[in-house]
């Protein structure tokens, strides 16, 4: 990994990672059995939106998961991923 000191772009990307990478840890949450976001997801979503608007060279990989207790978990996880993309499109980012 290369680190470039004094680069605002590197700092912003690190900040975005710190705020949103815990996707895996649950920064963006969905209502149980649904593809809709919980209100607690708003700060992470806003961070993603701002950075995508600021830096159009970023590439976004969207993954979403469903709990095994949720009906149709595979379809639900796909619906959640599509919902994330649709939300970004609506916000005119993608």
Protein backbone atom coordinates (compact mmCIF):
# COMPACT_ATOMS: atom_id res chain seq x y z
CA UNK A 1 0.00 0.00 0.00
CA UNK A 2 1.30 3.44 -0.90
CA UNK A 3 0.52 6.45 1.24
CA UNK A 4 0.77 9.94 -0.19
CA UNK A 5 1.02 12.53 2.53
CA UNK A 6 -0.87 15.76 2.03
CA UNK A 7 -3.35 14.31 -0.42
CA UNK A 8 -6.88 15.49 0.30
CA UNK A 9 -8.25 12.75 -1.94
CA UNK A 10 -6.51 10.00 0.05
CA UNK A 11 -7.74 11.52 3.31
CA UNK A 12 -11.33 11.70 2.04
CA UNK A 13 -11.25 8.11 0.82
CA UNK A 14 -9.84 6.90 4.15
CA UNK A 15 -12.56 8.83 5.98
CA UNK A 16 -15.20 7.27 3.71
CA UNK A 17 -13.78 3.82 4.37
CA UNK A 18 -13.81 4.40 8.11
CA UNK A 19 -17.41 5.57 7.98
CA UNK A 20 -18.82 3.02 5.58
CA UNK A 21 -16.58 -0.02 5.22
CA UNK A 22 -18.24 -1.50 8.26
CA UNK A 23 -21.07 -2.18 5.82
CA UNK A 24 -19.98 -5.63 6.87
CA UNK A 25 -20.40 -4.63 10.47
CA UNK A 26 -23.79 -3.09 9.91
CA UNK A 27 -23.41 0.62 9.14
CA UNK A 28 -26.13 0.27 6.55
CA UNK A 29 -29.06 -1.69 7.87
CA UNK A 30 -32.32 -2.83 6.37
CA UNK A 31 -35.63 -3.35 8.06
CA UNK A 32 -36.18 -7.04 8.83
CA UNK A 33 -37.60 -8.88 5.84
CA UNK A 34 -37.47 -5.72 3.73
CA UNK A 35 -35.26 -3.90 1.24
CA UNK A 36 -35.88 -0.55 2.94
CA UNK A 37 -33.20 1.20 5.01
CA UNK A 38 -33.47 1.76 8.74
CA UNK A 39 -33.19 5.40 9.89
CA UNK A 40 -29.81 4.60 11.48
CA UNK A 41 -28.40 3.98 7.98
CA UNK A 42 -28.76 7.61 6.93
CA UNK A 43 -25.31 8.90 8.07
CA UNK A 44 -23.43 6.15 6.20
CA UNK A 45 -25.59 6.62 3.10
CA UNK A 46 -25.01 10.37 3.12
CA UNK A 47 -21.24 9.84 3.39
CA UNK A 48 -21.32 7.56 0.37
CA UNK A 49 -23.45 9.99 -1.63
CA UNK A 50 -21.21 12.94 -0.87
CA UNK A 51 -18.05 11.14 -1.81
CA UNK A 52 -19.50 9.72 -5.03
CA UNK A 53 -20.62 13.21 -6.01
CA UNK A 54 -17.21 14.64 -5.16
CA UNK A 55 -15.09 11.97 -6.83
CA UNK A 56 -16.52 10.50 -10.03
CA UNK A 57 -13.54 8.16 -10.40
CA UNK A 58 -14.68 5.97 -7.51
CA UNK A 59 -15.95 2.52 -8.36
CA UNK A 60 -18.72 1.17 -6.19
CA UNK A 61 -19.31 -2.49 -5.44
CA UNK A 62 -22.67 -3.08 -3.78
CA UNK A 63 -23.25 -6.20 -1.74
CA UNK A 64 -26.23 -6.84 0.46
CA UNK A 65 -27.12 -9.71 2.70
CA UNK A 66 -30.17 -11.17 4.37
CA UNK A 67 -30.29 -12.97 7.68
CA UNK A 68 -31.06 -16.68 7.49
CA UNK A 69 -34.17 -16.00 9.60
CA UNK A 70 -35.62 -13.85 6.82
CA UNK A 71 -37.87 -15.47 4.23
CA UNK A 72 -36.39 -15.84 0.74
CA UNK A 73 -32.97 -14.70 1.95
CA UNK A 74 -31.26 -14.96 -1.46
CA UNK A 75 -33.93 -12.94 -3.25
CA UNK A 76 -34.05 -10.45 -0.38
CA UNK A 77 -30.29 -9.86 -0.47
CA UNK A 78 -30.48 -9.23 -4.24
CA UNK A 79 -33.42 -6.86 -3.73
CA UNK A 80 -31.45 -4.97 -1.08
CA UNK A 81 -28.46 -4.54 -3.38
CA UNK A 82 -30.75 -3.27 -6.16
CA UNK A 83 -32.39 -0.90 -3.68
CA UNK A 84 -29.01 0.61 -2.78
CA UNK A 85 -28.20 1.19 -6.45
CA UNK A 86 -31.68 2.57 -7.16
CA UNK A 87 -31.34 4.97 -4.23
CA UNK A 88 -28.05 6.27 -5.60
CA UNK A 89 -29.53 6.65 -9.08
CA UNK A 90 -32.47 8.60 -7.66
CA UNK A 91 -29.98 10.89 -5.95
CA UNK A 92 -28.35 11.33 -9.38
CA UNK A 93 -25.02 9.86 -8.35
CA UNK A 94 -24.84 6.87 -10.71
